[in-house]
């Protein structure tokens, strides 16, 4: 799966939780889920659960804590997919 495919799938997953739709339109690797997209911490847990389902992976607590930006999330997803 390419970076663009991962990004597209991740964008689809986070869309229902995003409060700042303008930031979603300008999504980059540096986009911060809490600061830029205004996703609250409770919804971040939902995002992680949705990511686990979508990619058929398991994300441990340590990895979950890293998933605060688009780039960090993609990195975690790639690592988990590689270790399957």
C-alpha atoms as a PDB file:
ATOM      1  CA  UNK A   1       0.000   0.000   0.000  1.00  0.00           C
ATOM      2  CA  UNK A   2       1.451   3.366  -1.023  1.00  0.00           C
ATOM      3  CA  UNK A   3       1.708   6.499   1.144  1.00  0.00           C
ATOM      4  CA  UNK A   4      -1.091   8.102  -0.890  1.00  0.00           C
ATOM      5  CA  UNK A   5      -3.358   5.089  -0.409  1.00  0.00           C
ATOM      6  CA  UNK A   6      -2.658   5.105   3.325  1.00  0.00           C
ATOM      7  CA  UNK A   7      -3.294   8.843   3.515  1.00  0.00           C
ATOM      8  CA  UNK A   8      -6.550   8.521   1.603  1.00  0.00           C
ATOM      9  CA  UNK A   9      -7.789   5.702   3.820  1.00  0.00           C
ATOM     10  CA  UNK A  10      -6.743   7.561   6.979  1.00  0.00           C
ATOM     11  CA  UNK A  11      -8.531  10.711   5.790  1.00  0.00           C
ATOM     12  CA  UNK A  12     -11.724   8.700   5.274  1.00  0.00           C
ATOM     13  CA  UNK A  13     -11.420   7.266   8.793  1.00  0.00           C
ATOM     14  CA  UNK A  14     -10.867  10.599  10.565  1.00  0.00           C
ATOM     15  CA  UNK A  15     -13.432  12.646   8.599  1.00  0.00           C
ATOM     16  CA  UNK A  16     -16.444  11.927  10.872  1.00  0.00           C
ATOM     17  CA  UNK A  17     -14.495  13.111  13.941  1.00  0.00           C
ATOM     18  CA  UNK A  18     -13.033  16.325  12.507  1.00  0.00           C
ATOM     19  CA  UNK A  19     -14.372  19.647  13.823  1.00  0.00           C
ATOM     20  CA  UNK A  20     -12.228  21.876  11.579  1.00  0.00           C
ATOM     21  CA  UNK A  21     -13.308  20.906   8.054  1.00  0.00           C
ATOM     22  CA  UNK A  22     -11.041  23.523   6.444  1.00  0.00           C
ATOM     23  CA  UNK A  23      -7.962  21.893   7.994  1.00  0.00           C
ATOM     24  CA  UNK A  24      -9.189  18.534   6.691  1.00  0.00           C
ATOM     25  CA  UNK A  25      -9.266  19.931   3.150  1.00  0.00           C
ATOM     26  CA  UNK A  26      -5.609  20.979   3.534  1.00  0.00           C
ATOM     27  CA  UNK A  27      -4.458  17.733   5.158  1.00  0.00           C
ATOM     28  CA  UNK A  28      -0.667  17.205   5.158  1.00  0.00           C
ATOM     29  CA  UNK A  29       1.742  14.867   6.944  1.00  0.00           C
ATOM     30  CA  UNK A  30       2.257  17.586   9.553  1.00  0.00           C
ATOM     31  CA  UNK A  31      -1.454  17.945  10.346  1.00  0.00           C
ATOM     32  CA  UNK A  32      -2.067  17.473  14.074  1.00  0.00           C
ATOM     33  CA  UNK A  33      -5.295  15.658  14.942  1.00  0.00           C
ATOM     34  CA  UNK A  34      -5.969  17.661  18.114  1.00  0.00           C
ATOM     35  CA  UNK A  35      -4.570  21.117  17.297  1.00  0.00           C
ATOM     36  CA  UNK A  36      -5.393  21.352  13.589  1.00  0.00           C
ATOM     37  CA  UNK A  37      -8.391  19.077  13.080  1.00  0.00           C
ATOM     38  CA  UNK A  38      -9.822  19.684  16.564  1.00  0.00           C
ATOM     39  CA  UNK A  39     -10.515  15.995  17.184  1.00  0.00           C
ATOM     40  CA  UNK A  40     -11.074  15.537  20.929  1.00  0.00           C
ATOM     41  CA  UNK A  41      -9.128  12.912  22.871  1.00  0.00           C
ATOM     42  CA  UNK A  42     -12.141  10.623  23.286  1.00  0.00           C
ATOM     43  CA  UNK A  43     -12.635  10.579  19.524  1.00  0.00           C
ATOM     44  CA  UNK A  44      -8.931   9.847  19.018  1.00  0.00           C
ATOM     45  CA  UNK A  45      -9.563   6.486  20.654  1.00  0.00           C
ATOM     46  CA  UNK A  46     -12.374   5.907  18.144  1.00  0.00           C
ATOM     47  CA  UNK A  47      -9.994   6.839  15.313  1.00  0.00           C
ATOM     48  CA  UNK A  48      -7.472   4.257  16.523  1.00  0.00           C
ATOM     49  CA  UNK A  49     -10.173   1.578  16.785  1.00  0.00           C
ATOM     50  CA  UNK A  50     -11.365   2.416  13.266  1.00  0.00           C
ATOM     51  CA  UNK A  51      -7.770   2.259  11.988  1.00  0.00           C
ATOM     52  CA  UNK A  52      -7.362  -1.176  13.582  1.00  0.00           C
ATOM     53  CA  UNK A  53     -10.517  -2.406  11.836  1.00  0.00           C
ATOM     54  CA  UNK A  54      -9.730  -0.826   8.471  1.00  0.00           C
ATOM     55  CA  UNK A  55      -6.177  -2.163   8.278  1.00  0.00           C
ATOM     56  CA  UNK A  56      -6.730  -5.382  10.277  1.00  0.00           C
ATOM     57  CA  UNK A  57      -3.947  -4.498  12.721  1.00  0.00           C
ATOM     58  CA  UNK A  58      -3.583  -4.199  16.490  1.00  0.00           C
ATOM     59  CA  UNK A  59      -2.260  -0.952  17.932  1.00  0.00           C
ATOM     60  CA  UNK A  60      -0.731  -1.089  21.410  1.00  0.00           C
ATOM     61  CA  UNK A  61      -1.014   1.783  23.895  1.00  0.00           C
ATOM     62  CA  UNK A  62       2.527   3.017  23.242  1.00  0.00           C
ATOM     63  CA  UNK A  63       1.864   3.265  19.496  1.00  0.00           C
ATOM     64  CA  UNK A  64      -1.531   4.833  20.104  1.00  0.00           C
ATOM     65  CA  UNK A  65       0.096   7.647  22.103  1.00  0.00           C
ATOM     66  CA  UNK A  66       2.320   8.437  19.106  1.00  0.00           C
ATOM     67  CA  UNK A  67      -0.607   8.802  16.687  1.00  0.00           C
ATOM     68  CA  UNK A  68      -1.142  12.548  17.057  1.00  0.00           C
ATOM     69  CA  UNK A  69      -0.220  13.645  13.528  1.00  0.00           C
ATOM     70  CA  UNK A  70      -0.902  12.262  10.086  1.00  0.00           C
ATOM     71  CA  UNK A  71       2.763  11.305   9.537  1.00  0.00           C
ATOM     72  CA  UNK A  72       3.067   9.586  12.927  1.00  0.00           C
ATOM     73  CA  UNK A  73      -0.144   7.654  12.304  1.00  0.00           C
ATOM     74  CA  UNK A  74       0.976   6.497   8.873  1.00  0.00           C
ATOM     75  CA  UNK A  75       4.320   5.419  10.361  1.00  0.00           C
ATOM     76  CA  UNK A  76       2.558   3.323  13.035  1.00  0.00           C
ATOM     77  CA  UNK A  77       0.196   1.800  10.462  1.00  0.00           C
ATOM     78  CA  UNK A  78       3.107   0.907   8.152  1.00  0.00           C
ATOM     79  CA  UNK A  79       5.041  -0.677  11.040  1.00  0.00           C
ATOM     80  CA  UNK A  80       2.033  -2.736  12.123  1.00  0.00           C
ATOM     81  CA  UNK A  81       1.290  -3.845   8.543  1.00  0.00           C
ATOM     82  CA  UNK A  82       4.938  -4.854   8.054  1.00  0.00           C
ATOM     83  CA  UNK A  83       4.925  -6.968  11.207  1.00  0.00           C
ATOM     84  CA  UNK A  84       1.782  -8.912  10.226  1.00  0.00           C
END
